[in-house]
């Protein structure tokens, strides 16, 4: 399920994004990019629709997915939900 990121409190959204960036270990090449810049980059992706904030009922988790991975995520969620 997509979570409208604008519905979250700013501090909550920042915390989710920060946890995502730290967990994913996003690669920015040889340059050392500050965490604040990485968080801003993900916020921009959410704002322009190239990424989504999603909740998995099956796993009770929140994640951030690029648009090209959302259909696969949604299909897997539906298949696993149907199997239960």
PDB file of N, CA and C in Angstrom:
ATOM      1  N   UNK A   1       0.843  -1.154   0.000  1.00  0.00           N
ATOM      2  CA  UNK A   1       0.000   0.000   0.000  1.00  0.00           C
ATOM      3  C   UNK A   1       0.904   1.238   0.000  1.00  0.00           C
ATOM      4  N   UNK A   2       0.566   2.204  -0.841  1.00  0.00           N
ATOM      5  CA  UNK A   2       1.327   3.455  -0.898  1.00  0.00           C
ATOM      6  C   UNK A   2       0.909   4.348   0.263  1.00  0.00           C
ATOM      7  N   UNK A   3       1.880   4.911   0.935  1.00  0.00           N
ATOM      8  CA  UNK A   3       1.636   5.880   2.004  1.00  0.00           C
ATOM      9  C   UNK A   3       1.893   7.262   1.416  1.00  0.00           C
ATOM     10  N   UNK A   4       0.890   8.138   1.427  1.00  0.00           N
ATOM     11  CA  UNK A   4       1.137   9.501   0.931  1.00  0.00           C
ATOM     12  C   UNK A   4       2.152  10.199   1.847  1.00  0.00           C
ATOM     13  N   UNK A   5       3.327  10.444   1.339  1.00  0.00           N
ATOM     14  CA  UNK A   5       4.400  10.985   2.179  1.00  0.00           C
ATOM     15  C   UNK A   5       4.044  12.348   2.750  1.00  0.00           C
ATOM     16  N   UNK A   6       3.183  13.093   2.057  1.00  0.00           N
ATOM     17  CA  UNK A   6       2.793  14.423   2.537  1.00  0.00           C
ATOM     18  C   UNK A   6       1.914  14.348   3.782  1.00  0.00           C
ATOM     19  N   UNK A   7       1.330  13.168   4.046  1.00  0.00           N
ATOM     20  CA  UNK A   7       0.481  12.997   5.223  1.00  0.00           C
ATOM     21  C   UNK A   7       1.287  12.785   6.502  1.00  0.00           C
ATOM     22  N   UNK A   8       2.573  12.525   6.361  1.00  0.00           N
ATOM     23  CA  UNK A   8       3.416  12.283   7.535  1.00  0.00           C
ATOM     24  C   UNK A   8       3.961  13.591   8.091  1.00  0.00           C
ATOM     25  N   UNK A   9       4.191  13.595   9.386  1.00  0.00           N
ATOM     26  CA  UNK A   9       4.865  14.726  10.014  1.00  0.00           C
ATOM     27  C   UNK A   9       6.273  14.816   9.420  1.00  0.00           C
ATOM     28  N   UNK A  10       6.789  16.025   9.209  1.00  0.00           N
ATOM     29  CA  UNK A  10       8.124  16.168   8.605  1.00  0.00           C
ATOM     30  C   UNK A  10       9.217  15.382   9.329  1.00  0.00           C
ATOM     31  N   UNK A  11       9.201  15.392  10.663  1.00  0.00           N
ATOM     32  CA  UNK A  11      10.230  14.653  11.410  1.00  0.00           C
ATOM     33  C   UNK A  11      10.101  13.147  11.205  1.00  0.00           C
ATOM     34  N   UNK A  12       8.867  12.663  11.111  1.00  0.00           N
ATOM     35  CA  UNK A  12       8.635  11.238  10.879  1.00  0.00           C
ATOM     36  C   UNK A  12       9.153  10.839   9.507  1.00  0.00           C
ATOM     37  N   UNK A  13       8.821  11.635   8.499  1.00  0.00           N
ATOM     38  CA  UNK A  13       9.283  11.353   7.143  1.00  0.00           C
ATOM     39  C   UNK A  13      10.808  11.363   7.076  1.00  0.00           C
ATOM     40  N   UNK A  14      11.417  12.359   7.681  1.00  0.00           N
ATOM     41  CA  UNK A  14      12.879  12.441   7.680  1.00  0.00           C
ATOM     42  C   UNK A  14      13.487  11.220   8.363  1.00  0.00           C
ATOM     43  N   UNK A  15      12.888  10.781   9.462  1.00  0.00           N
ATOM     44  CA  UNK A  15      13.385   9.597  10.160  1.00  0.00           C
ATOM     45  C   UNK A  15      13.295   8.340   9.311  1.00  0.00           C
ATOM     46  N   UNK A  16      12.184   8.183   8.594  1.00  0.00           N
ATOM     47  CA  UNK A  16      12.015   7.024   7.716  1.00  0.00           C
ATOM     48  C   UNK A  16      13.045   7.061   6.591  1.00  0.00           C
ATOM     49  N   UNK A  17      13.206   8.225   5.992  1.00  0.00           N
ATOM     50  CA  UNK A  17      14.170   8.356   4.892  1.00  0.00           C
ATOM     51  C   UNK A  17      15.589   8.116   5.395  1.00  0.00           C
ATOM     52  N   UNK A  18      15.925   8.679   6.539  1.00  0.00           N
ATOM     53  CA  UNK A  18      17.267   8.502   7.105  1.00  0.00           C
ATOM     54  C   UNK A  18      17.555   7.018   7.353  1.00  0.00           C
ATOM     55  N   UNK A  19      16.593   6.317   7.929  1.00  0.00           N
ATOM     56  CA  UNK A  19      16.758   4.888   8.189  1.00  0.00           C
ATOM     57  C   UNK A  19      16.922   4.129   6.874  1.00  0.00           C
ATOM     58  N   UNK A  20      16.158   4.495   5.864  1.00  0.00           N
ATOM     59  CA  UNK A  20      16.258   3.865   4.544  1.00  0.00           C
ATOM     60  C   UNK A  20      17.644   4.082   3.943  1.00  0.00           C
ATOM     61  N   UNK A  21      18.119   5.307   3.970  1.00  0.00           N
ATOM     62  CA  UNK A  21      19.423   5.633   3.381  1.00  0.00           C
ATOM     63  C   UNK A  21      20.540   4.874   4.101  1.00  0.00           C
ATOM     64  N   UNK A  22      20.478   4.821   5.418  1.00  0.00           N
ATOM     65  CA  UNK A  22      21.509   4.112   6.174  1.00  0.00           C
ATOM     66  C   UNK A  22      21.451   2.608   5.929  1.00  0.00           C
ATOM     67  N   UNK A  23      20.255   2.074   5.820  1.00  0.00           N
ATOM     68  CA  UNK A  23      20.072   0.635   5.589  1.00  0.00           C
ATOM     69  C   UNK A  23      20.509   0.239   4.187  1.00  0.00           C
ATOM     70  N   UNK A  24      20.162   1.056   3.212  1.00  0.00           N
ATOM     71  CA  UNK A  24      20.459   0.732   1.820  1.00  0.00           C
ATOM     72  C   UNK A  24      21.919   0.980   1.455  1.00  0.00           C
ATOM     73  N   UNK A  25      22.594   1.840   2.183  1.00  0.00           N
ATOM     74  CA  UNK A  25      23.983   2.146   1.853  1.00  0.00           C
ATOM     75  C   UNK A  25      24.105   2.696   0.445  1.00  0.00           C
ATOM     76  N   UNK A  26      23.244   3.626   0.112  1.00  0.00           N
ATOM     77  CA  UNK A  26      23.172   4.188  -1.234  1.00  0.00           C
ATOM     78  C   UNK A  26      24.547   4.606  -1.727  1.00  0.00           C
ATOM     79  N   UNK A  27      24.884   4.205  -2.931  1.00  0.00           N
ATOM     80  CA  UNK A  27      26.201   4.463  -3.525  1.00  0.00           C
ATOM     81  C   UNK A  27      26.186   5.773  -4.304  1.00  0.00           C
ATOM     82  N   UNK A  28      27.096   6.656  -3.963  1.00  0.00           N
ATOM     83  CA  UNK A  28      27.211   7.948  -4.636  1.00  0.00           C
ATOM     84  C   UNK A  28      28.567   8.123  -5.307  1.00  0.00           C
ATOM     85  N   UNK A  29      29.258   7.039  -5.564  1.00  0.00           N
ATOM     86  CA  UNK A  29      30.554   7.134  -6.228  1.00  0.00           C
ATOM     87  C   UNK A  29      31.670   7.393  -5.242  1.00  0.00           C
ATOM     88  N   UNK A  30      32.733   7.993  -5.741  1.00  0.00           N
ATOM     89  CA  UNK A  30      33.917   8.227  -4.922  1.00  0.00           C
ATOM     90  C   UNK A  30      33.744   9.379  -3.947  1.00  0.00           C
ATOM     91  N   UNK A  31      32.866  10.322  -4.262  1.00  0.00           N
ATOM     92  CA  UNK A  31      32.671  11.488  -3.398  1.00  0.00           C
ATOM     93  C   UNK A  31      31.920  11.092  -2.133  1.00  0.00           C
ATOM     94  N   UNK A  32      32.329  11.672  -1.010  1.00  0.00           N
ATOM     95  CA  UNK A  32      31.649  11.447   0.256  1.00  0.00           C
ATOM     96  C   UNK A  32      30.465  12.405   0.332  1.00  0.00           C
ATOM     97  N   UNK A  33      29.255  11.870   0.286  1.00  0.00           N
ATOM     98  CA  UNK A  33      28.043  12.688   0.281  1.00  0.00           C
ATOM     99  C   UNK A  33      27.455  12.689   1.688  1.00  0.00           C
ATOM    100  N   UNK A  34      27.191  13.872   2.247  1.00  0.00           N
ATOM    101  CA  UNK A  34      26.623  13.944   3.594  1.00  0.00           C
ATOM    102  C   UNK A  34      25.240  13.291   3.655  1.00  0.00           C
ATOM    103  N   UNK A  35      24.915  12.758   4.814  1.00  0.00           N
ATOM    104  CA  UNK A  35      23.618  12.127   5.028  1.00  0.00           C
ATOM    105  C   UNK A  35      22.480  13.084   4.691  1.00  0.00           C
ATOM    106  N   UNK A  36      22.629  14.348   5.056  1.00  0.00           N
ATOM    107  CA  UNK A  36      21.567  15.326   4.785  1.00  0.00           C
ATOM    108  C   UNK A  36      21.298  15.467   3.288  1.00  0.00           C
ATOM    109  N   UNK A  37      22.340  15.365   2.474  1.00  0.00           N
ATOM    110  CA  UNK A  37      22.165  15.447   1.018  1.00  0.00           C
ATOM    111  C   UNK A  37      21.464  14.203   0.485  1.00  0.00           C
ATOM    112  N   UNK A  38      21.790  13.048   1.044  1.00  0.00           N
ATOM    113  CA  UNK A  38      21.135  11.811   0.631  1.00  0.00           C
ATOM    114  C   UNK A  38      19.650  11.850   0.993  1.00  0.00           C
ATOM    115  N   UNK A  39      19.345  12.342   2.193  1.00  0.00           N
ATOM    116  CA  UNK A  39      17.949  12.466   2.629  1.00  0.00           C
ATOM    117  C   UNK A  39      17.204  13.423   1.708  1.00  0.00           C
ATOM    118  N   UNK A  40      17.819  14.542   1.375  1.00  0.00           N
ATOM    119  CA  UNK A  40      17.192  15.514   0.474  1.00  0.00           C
ATOM    120  C   UNK A  40      16.948  14.905  -0.904  1.00  0.00           C
ATOM    121  N   UNK A  41      17.874  14.084  -1.371  1.00  0.00           N
ATOM    122  CA  UNK A  41      17.726  13.423  -2.667  1.00  0.00           C
ATOM    123  C   UNK A  41      16.516  12.489  -2.667  1.00  0.00           C
ATOM    124  N   UNK A  42      16.353  11.705  -1.612  1.00  0.00           N
ATOM    125  CA  UNK A  42      15.214  10.788  -1.527  1.00  0.00           C
ATOM    126  C   UNK A  42      13.911  11.575  -1.404  1.00  0.00           C
ATOM    127  N   UNK A  43      13.912  12.656  -0.628  1.00  0.00           N
ATOM    128  CA  UNK A  43      12.710  13.501  -0.533  1.00  0.00           C
ATOM    129  C   UNK A  43      12.322  14.036  -1.906  1.00  0.00           C
ATOM    130  N   UNK A  44      13.306  14.436  -2.690  1.00  0.00           N
ATOM    131  CA  UNK A  44      13.034  14.939  -4.041  1.00  0.00           C
ATOM    132  C   UNK A  44      12.437  13.839  -4.915  1.00  0.00           C
ATOM    133  N   UNK A  45      12.926  12.616  -4.767  1.00  0.00           N
ATOM    134  CA  UNK A  45      12.374  11.496  -5.534  1.00  0.00           C
ATOM    135  C   UNK A  45      10.924  11.222  -5.147  1.00  0.00           C
ATOM    136  N   UNK A  46      10.611  11.327  -3.861  1.00  0.00           N
ATOM    137  CA  UNK A  46       9.221  11.162  -3.431  1.00  0.00           C
ATOM    138  C   UNK A  46       8.351  12.280  -4.004  1.00  0.00           C
ATOM    139  N   UNK A  47       8.879  13.495  -3.983  1.00  0.00           N
ATOM    140  CA  UNK A  47       8.122  14.654  -4.468  1.00  0.00           C
ATOM    141  C   UNK A  47       7.863  14.594  -5.970  1.00  0.00           C
ATOM    142  N   UNK A  48       8.824  14.089  -6.739  1.00  0.00           N
ATOM    143  CA  UNK A  48       8.631  14.068  -8.192  1.00  0.00           C
ATOM    144  C   UNK A  48       8.007  12.769  -8.693  1.00  0.00           C
ATOM    145  N   UNK A  49       7.688  11.866  -7.771  1.00  0.00           N
ATOM    146  CA  UNK A  49       6.988  10.640  -8.148  1.00  0.00           C
ATOM    147  C   UNK A  49       7.863   9.533  -8.694  1.00  0.00           C
ATOM    148  N   UNK A  50       9.178   9.680  -8.589  1.00  0.00           N
ATOM    149  CA  UNK A  50      10.053   8.613  -9.074  1.00  0.00           C
ATOM    150  C   UNK A  50      10.307   7.545  -8.008  1.00  0.00           C
ATOM    151  N   UNK A  51       9.793   7.782  -6.792  1.00  0.00           N
ATOM    152  CA  UNK A  51       9.865   6.799  -5.713  1.00  0.00           C
ATOM    153  C   UNK A  51       8.597   6.915  -4.874  1.00  0.00           C
ATOM    154  N   UNK A  52       8.272   5.817  -4.187  1.00  0.00           N
ATOM    155  CA  UNK A  52       7.077   5.770  -3.352  1.00  0.00           C
ATOM    156  C   UNK A  52       7.425   5.271  -1.961  1.00  0.00           C
ATOM    157  N   UNK A  53       6.690   5.761  -0.985  1.00  0.00           N
ATOM    158  CA  UNK A  53       6.749   5.260   0.375  1.00  0.00           C
ATOM    159  C   UNK A  53       5.668   4.188   0.463  1.00  0.00           C
ATOM    160  N   UNK A  54       6.048   2.961   0.807  1.00  0.00           N
ATOM    161  CA  UNK A  54       5.089   1.856   0.808  1.00  0.00           C
ATOM    162  C   UNK A  54       5.091   1.134   2.148  1.00  0.00           C
ATOM    163  N   UNK A  55       3.927   0.591   2.479  1.00  0.00           N
ATOM    164  CA  UNK A  55       3.759  -0.218   3.680  1.00  0.00           C
ATOM    165  C   UNK A  55       3.411  -1.632   3.257  1.00  0.00           C
ATOM    166  N   UNK A  56       4.126  -2.599   3.795  1.00  0.00           N
ATOM    167  CA  UNK A  56       3.839  -4.008   3.549  1.00  0.00           C
ATOM    168  C   UNK A  56       3.050  -4.544   4.734  1.00  0.00           C
ATOM    169  N   UNK A  57       1.777  -4.856   4.501  1.00  0.00           N
ATOM    170  CA  UNK A  57       0.960  -5.447   5.559  1.00  0.00           C
ATOM    171  C   UNK A  57       1.489  -6.824   5.928  1.00  0.00           C
ATOM    172  N   UNK A  58       1.973  -7.534   4.936  1.00  0.00           N
ATOM    173  CA  UNK A  58       2.480  -8.882   5.150  1.00  0.00           C
ATOM    174  C   UNK A  58       3.675  -8.896   6.103  1.00  0.00           C
ATOM    175  N   UNK A  59       4.606  -7.955   5.909  1.00  0.00           N
ATOM    176  CA  UNK A  59       5.820  -7.901   6.720  1.00  0.00           C
ATOM    177  C   UNK A  59       5.776  -6.827   7.797  1.00  0.00           C
ATOM    178  N   UNK A  60       4.708  -6.025   7.811  1.00  0.00           N
ATOM    179  CA  UNK A  60       4.554  -4.926   8.768  1.00  0.00           C
ATOM    180  C   UNK A  60       5.783  -4.013   8.742  1.00  0.00           C
ATOM    181  N   UNK A  61       6.157  -3.604   7.520  1.00  0.00           N
ATOM    182  CA  UNK A  61       7.322  -2.744   7.339  1.00  0.00           C
ATOM    183  C   UNK A  61       7.001  -1.585   6.405  1.00  0.00           C
ATOM    184  N   UNK A  62       7.793  -0.538   6.524  1.00  0.00           N
ATOM    185  CA  UNK A  62       7.710   0.611   5.626  1.00  0.00           C
ATOM    186  C   UNK A  62       8.999   0.634   4.817  1.00  0.00           C
ATOM    187  N   UNK A  63       8.868   0.941   3.525  1.00  0.00           N
ATOM    188  CA  UNK A  63      10.044   0.983   2.669  1.00  0.00           C
ATOM    189  C   UNK A  63       9.860   2.077   1.629  1.00  0.00           C
ATOM    190  N   UNK A  64      10.926   2.417   0.961  1.00  0.00           N
ATOM    191  CA  UNK A  64      10.891   3.378  -0.143  1.00  0.00           C
ATOM    192  C   UNK A  64      11.327   2.620  -1.386  1.00  0.00           C
ATOM    193  N   UNK A  65      10.488   2.687  -2.413  1.00  0.00           N
ATOM    194  CA  UNK A  65      10.768   1.953  -3.646  1.00  0.00           C
ATOM    195  C   UNK A  65      10.797   2.885  -4.835  1.00  0.00           C
ATOM    196  N   UNK A  66      11.733   2.653  -5.751  1.00  0.00           N
ATOM    197  CA  UNK A  66      11.685   3.378  -7.024  1.00  0.00           C
ATOM    198  C   UNK A  66      10.437   2.931  -7.786  1.00  0.00           C
ATOM    199  N   UNK A  67       9.929   3.798  -8.622  1.00  0.00           N
ATOM    200  CA  UNK A  67       8.704   3.511  -9.354  1.00  0.00           C
ATOM    201  C   UNK A  67       8.801   2.212 -10.145  1.00  0.00           C
ATOM    202  N   UNK A  68       9.972   1.895 -10.676  1.00  0.00           N
ATOM    203  CA  UNK A  68      10.110   0.684 -11.493  1.00  0.00           C
ATOM    204  C   UNK A  68      10.068  -0.606 -10.672  1.00  0.00           C
ATOM    205  N   UNK A  69      10.146  -0.517  -9.352  1.00  0.00           N
ATOM    206  CA  UNK A  69      10.049  -1.696  -8.494  1.00  0.00           C
ATOM    207  C   UNK A  69       8.688  -1.827  -7.824  1.00  0.00           C
ATOM    208  N   UNK A  70       7.841  -0.801  -7.950  1.00  0.00           N
ATOM    209  CA  UNK A  70       6.569  -0.823  -7.236  1.00  0.00           C
ATOM    210  C   UNK A  70       5.641  -1.925  -7.732  1.00  0.00           C
ATOM    211  N   UNK A  71       5.507  -2.104  -9.039  1.00  0.00           N
ATOM    212  CA  UNK A  71       4.604  -3.131  -9.571  1.00  0.00           C
ATOM    213  C   UNK A  71       4.998  -4.520  -9.079  1.00  0.00           C
ATOM    214  N   UNK A  72       6.290  -4.799  -9.046  1.00  0.00           N
ATOM    215  CA  UNK A  72       6.774  -6.088  -8.560  1.00  0.00           C
ATOM    216  C   UNK A  72       6.429  -6.256  -7.076  1.00  0.00           C
ATOM    217  N   UNK A  73       6.637  -5.212  -6.284  1.00  0.00           N
ATOM    218  CA  UNK A  73       6.308  -5.239  -4.860  1.00  0.00           C
ATOM    219  C   UNK A  73       4.822  -5.510  -4.667  1.00  0.00           C
ATOM    220  N   UNK A  74       3.981  -4.786  -5.404  1.00  0.00           N
ATOM    221  CA  UNK A  74       2.535  -4.916  -5.282  1.00  0.00           C
ATOM    222  C   UNK A  74       2.086  -6.327  -5.662  1.00  0.00           C
ATOM    223  N   UNK A  75       2.652  -6.860  -6.725  1.00  0.00           N
ATOM    224  CA  UNK A  75       2.305  -8.208  -7.173  1.00  0.00           C
ATOM    225  C   UNK A  75       2.697  -9.242  -6.117  1.00  0.00           C
ATOM    226  N   UNK A  76       3.884  -9.119  -5.548  1.00  0.00           N
ATOM    227  CA  UNK A  76       4.337 -10.054  -4.520  1.00  0.00           C
ATOM    228  C   UNK A  76       3.450  -9.984  -3.283  1.00  0.00           C
ATOM    229  N   UNK A  77       3.076  -8.780  -2.892  1.00  0.00           N
ATOM    230  CA  UNK A  77       2.202  -8.618  -1.732  1.00  0.00           C
ATOM    231  C   UNK A  77       0.862  -9.310  -1.975  1.00  0.00           C
ATOM    232  N   UNK A  78       0.292  -9.100  -3.154  1.00  0.00           N
ATOM    233  CA  UNK A  78      -1.002  -9.697  -3.480  1.00  0.00           C
ATOM    234  C   UNK A  78      -0.922 -11.216  -3.556  1.00  0.00           C
ATOM    235  N   UNK A  79       0.148 -11.744  -4.136  1.00  0.00           N
ATOM    236  CA  UNK A  79       0.316 -13.195  -4.233  1.00  0.00           C
ATOM    237  C   UNK A  79       0.463 -13.825  -2.858  1.00  0.00           C
ATOM    238  N   UNK A  80       1.254 -13.225  -2.002  1.00  0.00           N
ATOM    239  CA  UNK A  80       1.470 -13.786  -0.673  1.00  0.00           C
ATOM    240  C   UNK A  80       0.223 -13.653   0.188  1.00  0.00           C
ATOM    241  N   UNK A  81      -0.517 -12.575   0.003  1.00  0.00           N
ATOM    242  CA  UNK A  81      -1.759 -12.391   0.743  1.00  0.00           C
ATOM    243  C   UNK A  81      -2.785 -13.431   0.315  1.00  0.00           C
ATOM    244  N   UNK A  82      -2.849 -13.733  -0.977  1.00  0.00           N
ATOM    245  CA  UNK A  82      -3.786 -14.731  -1.504  1.00  0.00           C
ATOM    246  C   UNK A  82      -3.438 -16.130  -1.020  1.00  0.00           C
ATOM    247  N   UNK A  83      -2.166 -16.391  -0.806  1.00  0.00           N
ATOM    248  CA  UNK A  83      -1.718 -17.714  -0.379  1.00  0.00           C
ATOM    249  C   UNK A  83      -2.056 -17.999   1.081  1.00  0.00           C
ATOM    250  N   UNK A  84      -2.356 -16.971   1.830  1.00  0.00           N
ATOM    251  CA  UNK A  84      -2.623 -17.169   3.268  1.00  0.00           C
ATOM    252  C   UNK A  84      -4.046 -17.535   3.529  1.00  0.00           C
TER     253      UNK A  84
END
